[in-house]
Amino acid sequence: MSLITVRLKPEATAKPLVRVGWNIVEIFKSAIRGIVIAGQVLGTIAIWLLIFSPIWGIILGIIYWRLRKRKKAQLEKMGT
């Protein structure tokens, strides 16, 4: 008869399932900060568009008027 001995040791390179220092509360706070920042950016863009809308409205109105005038002239030219 003989005696067999088996010893199991974890590997030193095995990584934990969860990173050290990982905190669900901090991740949640970070996500909320991201949503708030995105909302602030969208709000800033909306304010800028609202402030400059008269200028862009005038420019777009002139372009629209010129295109309608040109199209009307082409239709009259084709009709005669």
N, C-alpha and C. Protein backbone atom coordinates (compact mmCIF):
# COMPACT_ATOMS: atom_id res chain seq x y z
N MET A 1 0.84 -1.18 0.00
CA MET A 1 0.00 0.00 0.00
C MET A 1 0.88 1.23 0.00
N SER A 2 0.30 2.26 -0.63
CA SER A 2 1.04 3.51 -0.65
C SER A 2 0.11 4.66 -0.28
N LEU A 3 0.68 5.74 0.13
CA LEU A 3 -0.07 6.92 0.56
C LEU A 3 0.10 8.01 -0.49
N ILE A 4 -1.01 8.57 -0.97
CA ILE A 4 -0.97 9.67 -1.95
C ILE A 4 -1.51 10.91 -1.26
N THR A 5 -0.78 11.98 -1.38
CA THR A 5 -1.19 13.25 -0.80
C THR A 5 -1.41 14.26 -1.93
N VAL A 6 -2.54 14.94 -1.91
CA VAL A 6 -2.86 15.96 -2.91
C VAL A 6 -3.12 17.26 -2.18
N ARG A 7 -2.44 18.32 -2.62
CA ARG A 7 -2.66 19.65 -2.04
C ARG A 7 -3.11 20.61 -3.14
N LEU A 8 -4.19 21.28 -2.93
CA LEU A 8 -4.71 22.25 -3.90
C LEU A 8 -4.45 23.65 -3.37
N LYS A 9 -3.82 24.47 -4.21
CA LYS A 9 -3.55 25.86 -3.84
C LYS A 9 -4.06 26.74 -4.98
N PRO A 10 -4.71 27.84 -4.68
CA PRO A 10 -5.15 28.74 -5.75
C PRO A 10 -3.95 29.38 -6.42
N GLU A 11 -4.12 29.66 -7.72
CA GLU A 11 -3.05 30.31 -8.45
C GLU A 11 -2.90 31.75 -7.98
N ALA A 12 -1.70 32.23 -8.00
CA ALA A 12 -1.43 33.61 -7.58
C ALA A 12 -1.95 34.61 -8.60
N THR A 13 -2.12 34.17 -9.86
CA THR A 13 -2.55 35.09 -10.91
C THR A 13 -4.06 35.16 -11.05
N ALA A 14 -4.80 34.37 -10.29
CA ALA A 14 -6.26 34.40 -10.38
C ALA A 14 -6.76 35.78 -9.95
N LYS A 15 -7.66 36.34 -10.79
CA LYS A 15 -8.20 37.67 -10.50
C LYS A 15 -9.54 37.53 -9.78
N PRO A 16 -9.85 38.46 -8.90
CA PRO A 16 -11.14 38.40 -8.21
C PRO A 16 -12.28 38.68 -9.18
N LEU A 17 -13.46 38.22 -8.85
CA LEU A 17 -14.62 38.45 -9.70
C LEU A 17 -14.97 39.92 -9.81
N VAL A 18 -14.80 40.65 -8.75
CA VAL A 18 -15.11 42.07 -8.71
C VAL A 18 -13.82 42.83 -8.45
N ARG A 19 -13.61 43.90 -9.24
CA ARG A 19 -12.42 44.72 -9.03
C ARG A 19 -12.38 45.31 -7.64
N VAL A 20 -11.21 45.39 -7.10
CA VAL A 20 -11.05 46.01 -5.78
C VAL A 20 -11.38 47.49 -5.92
N GLY A 21 -12.19 48.00 -5.06
CA GLY A 21 -12.57 49.40 -5.12
C GLY A 21 -13.82 49.65 -5.93
N TRP A 22 -14.38 48.62 -6.57
CA TRP A 22 -15.61 48.79 -7.33
C TRP A 22 -16.75 49.01 -6.37
N ASN A 23 -17.55 50.05 -6.67
CA ASN A 23 -18.63 50.41 -5.76
C ASN A 23 -19.85 50.76 -6.59
N ILE A 24 -20.93 50.04 -6.40
CA ILE A 24 -22.13 50.25 -7.19
C ILE A 24 -22.70 51.65 -6.98
N VAL A 25 -22.57 52.19 -5.79
CA VAL A 25 -23.09 53.54 -5.51
C VAL A 25 -22.32 54.58 -6.32
N GLU A 26 -21.01 54.43 -6.40
CA GLU A 26 -20.21 55.38 -7.18
C GLU A 26 -20.53 55.28 -8.67
N ILE A 27 -20.74 54.08 -9.17
CA ILE A 27 -21.11 53.88 -10.56
C ILE A 27 -22.46 54.54 -10.84
N PHE A 28 -23.40 54.38 -9.93
CA PHE A 28 -24.72 55.00 -10.07
C PHE A 28 -24.60 56.52 -10.09
N LYS A 29 -23.81 57.07 -9.17
CA LYS A 29 -23.61 58.53 -9.13
C LYS A 29 -22.97 59.03 -10.42
N SER A 30 -22.00 58.28 -10.93
CA SER A 30 -21.33 58.66 -12.17
C SER A 30 -22.32 58.68 -13.34
N ALA A 31 -23.20 57.68 -13.38
CA ALA A 31 -24.20 57.63 -14.45
C ALA A 31 -25.17 58.80 -14.35
N ILE A 32 -25.59 59.13 -13.14
CA ILE A 32 -26.49 60.28 -12.94
C ILE A 32 -25.80 61.57 -13.39
N ARG A 33 -24.51 61.72 -13.02
CA ARG A 33 -23.76 62.91 -13.46
C ARG A 33 -23.72 62.99 -14.98
N GLY A 34 -23.54 61.86 -15.63
CA GLY A 34 -23.51 61.83 -17.10
C GLY A 34 -24.83 62.28 -17.69
N ILE A 35 -25.94 61.81 -17.11
CA ILE A 35 -27.26 62.22 -17.60
C ILE A 35 -27.46 63.72 -17.41
N VAL A 36 -27.06 64.23 -16.25
CA VAL A 36 -27.21 65.66 -15.97
C VAL A 36 -26.38 66.49 -16.95
N ILE A 37 -25.15 66.07 -17.20
CA ILE A 37 -24.29 66.80 -18.13
C ILE A 37 -24.89 66.78 -19.54
N ALA A 38 -25.40 65.62 -19.96
CA ALA A 38 -26.04 65.54 -21.28
C ALA A 38 -27.24 66.47 -21.36
N GLY A 39 -28.03 66.53 -20.29
CA GLY A 39 -29.18 67.44 -20.25
C GLY A 39 -28.75 68.90 -20.32
N GLN A 40 -27.66 69.23 -19.62
CA GLN A 40 -27.16 70.60 -19.67
C GLN A 40 -26.70 70.97 -21.07
N VAL A 41 -26.02 70.04 -21.73
CA VAL A 41 -25.55 70.31 -23.10
C VAL A 41 -26.75 70.52 -24.02
N LEU A 42 -27.75 69.65 -23.93
CA LEU A 42 -28.94 69.80 -24.78
C LEU A 42 -29.67 71.11 -24.47
N GLY A 43 -29.75 71.47 -23.20
CA GLY A 43 -30.38 72.74 -22.83
C GLY A 43 -29.62 73.93 -23.39
N THR A 44 -28.30 73.88 -23.32
CA THR A 44 -27.48 74.96 -23.86
C THR A 44 -27.68 75.10 -25.37
N ILE A 45 -27.71 73.97 -26.07
CA ILE A 45 -27.93 74.01 -27.51
C ILE A 45 -29.30 74.59 -27.82
N ALA A 46 -30.32 74.20 -27.06
CA ALA A 46 -31.68 74.72 -27.28
C ALA A 46 -31.73 76.23 -27.05
N ILE A 47 -31.06 76.72 -26.04
CA ILE A 47 -31.05 78.17 -25.78
C ILE A 47 -30.37 78.91 -26.93
N TRP A 48 -29.23 78.40 -27.39
CA TRP A 48 -28.52 79.04 -28.51
C TRP A 48 -29.39 79.06 -29.77
N LEU A 49 -30.06 77.95 -30.06
CA LEU A 49 -30.93 77.90 -31.24
C LEU A 49 -32.09 78.88 -31.09
N LEU A 50 -32.64 78.99 -29.91
CA LEU A 50 -33.75 79.90 -29.67
C LEU A 50 -33.31 81.36 -29.85
N ILE A 51 -32.14 81.69 -29.31
CA ILE A 51 -31.65 83.07 -29.40
C ILE A 51 -31.35 83.45 -30.85
N PHE A 52 -30.76 82.51 -31.61
CA PHE A 52 -30.38 82.82 -32.98
C PHE A 52 -31.45 82.48 -34.01
N SER A 53 -32.62 82.00 -33.57
CA SER A 53 -33.68 81.62 -34.51
C SER A 53 -34.17 82.79 -35.39
N PRO A 54 -34.25 84.03 -34.89
CA PRO A 54 -34.66 85.10 -35.81
C PRO A 54 -33.68 85.29 -36.96
N ILE A 55 -32.40 85.18 -36.68
CA ILE A 55 -31.40 85.35 -37.73
C ILE A 55 -31.51 84.22 -38.75
N TRP A 56 -31.55 82.96 -38.25
CA TRP A 56 -31.66 81.82 -39.16
C TRP A 56 -33.01 81.84 -39.87
N GLY A 57 -34.05 82.30 -39.20
CA GLY A 57 -35.37 82.38 -39.83
C GLY A 57 -35.37 83.34 -41.00
N ILE A 58 -34.73 84.47 -40.82
CA ILE A 58 -34.65 85.45 -41.91
C ILE A 58 -33.87 84.88 -43.09
N ILE A 59 -32.72 84.29 -42.79
CA ILE A 59 -31.89 83.70 -43.85
C ILE A 59 -32.65 82.61 -44.60
N LEU A 60 -33.28 81.69 -43.85
CA LEU A 60 -34.04 80.62 -44.49
C LEU A 60 -35.25 81.17 -45.25
N GLY A 61 -35.88 82.21 -44.73
CA GLY A 61 -37.01 82.84 -45.43
C GLY A 61 -36.58 83.44 -46.76
N ILE A 62 -35.44 84.10 -46.79
CA ILE A 62 -34.94 84.68 -48.03
C ILE A 62 -34.62 83.58 -49.04
N ILE A 63 -33.97 82.52 -48.58
CA ILE A 63 -33.65 81.40 -49.49
C ILE A 63 -34.93 80.78 -50.05
N TYR A 64 -35.92 80.56 -49.18
CA TYR A 64 -37.20 79.99 -49.61
C TYR A 64 -37.89 80.90 -50.63
N TRP A 65 -37.91 82.18 -50.36
CA TRP A 65 -38.54 83.16 -51.25
C TRP A 65 -37.87 83.16 -52.61
N ARG A 66 -36.51 83.14 -52.62
CA ARG A 66 -35.77 83.14 -53.90
C ARG A 66 -36.04 81.86 -54.69
N LEU A 67 -36.10 80.72 -54.00
CA LEU A 67 -36.36 79.46 -54.70
C LEU A 67 -37.77 79.44 -55.29
N ARG A 68 -38.74 79.93 -54.54
CA ARG A 68 -40.12 79.99 -55.07
C ARG A 68 -40.21 80.93 -56.25
N LYS A 69 -39.51 82.06 -56.15
CA LYS A 69 -39.53 83.04 -57.24
C LYS A 69 -38.91 82.43 -58.51
N ARG A 70 -37.79 81.72 -58.34
CA ARG A 70 -37.11 81.10 -59.48
C ARG A 70 -37.98 79.99 -60.08
N LYS A 71 -38.64 79.19 -59.23
CA LYS A 71 -39.49 78.11 -59.72
C LYS A 71 -40.69 78.68 -60.46
N LYS A 72 -41.26 79.76 -59.94
CA LYS A 72 -42.40 80.39 -60.59
C LYS A 72 -42.01 80.95 -61.95
N ALA A 73 -40.82 81.55 -62.03
CA ALA A 73 -40.33 82.09 -63.29
C ALA A 73 -40.12 80.96 -64.31
N GLN A 74 -39.62 79.82 -63.89
CA GLN A 74 -39.41 78.70 -64.78
C GLN A 74 -40.74 78.15 -65.28
N LEU A 75 -41.73 78.08 -64.41
CA LEU A 75 -43.05 77.60 -64.83
C LEU A 75 -43.69 78.54 -65.82
N GLU A 76 -43.56 79.84 -65.64
CA GLU A 76 -44.11 80.83 -66.58
C GLU A 76 -43.39 80.74 -67.92
N LYS A 77 -42.10 80.50 -67.88
CA LYS A 77 -41.29 80.40 -69.11
C LYS A 77 -41.72 79.16 -69.89
N MET A 78 -42.00 78.06 -69.21
CA MET A 78 -42.40 76.83 -69.87
C MET A 78 -43.83 76.94 -70.43
N GLY A 79 -44.65 77.73 -69.79
CA GLY A 79 -46.05 77.86 -70.19
C GLY A 79 -46.22 78.72 -71.44
N THR A 80 -45.29 79.58 -71.75
CA THR A 80 -45.45 80.46 -72.93
C THR A 80 -44.78 79.94 -74.13
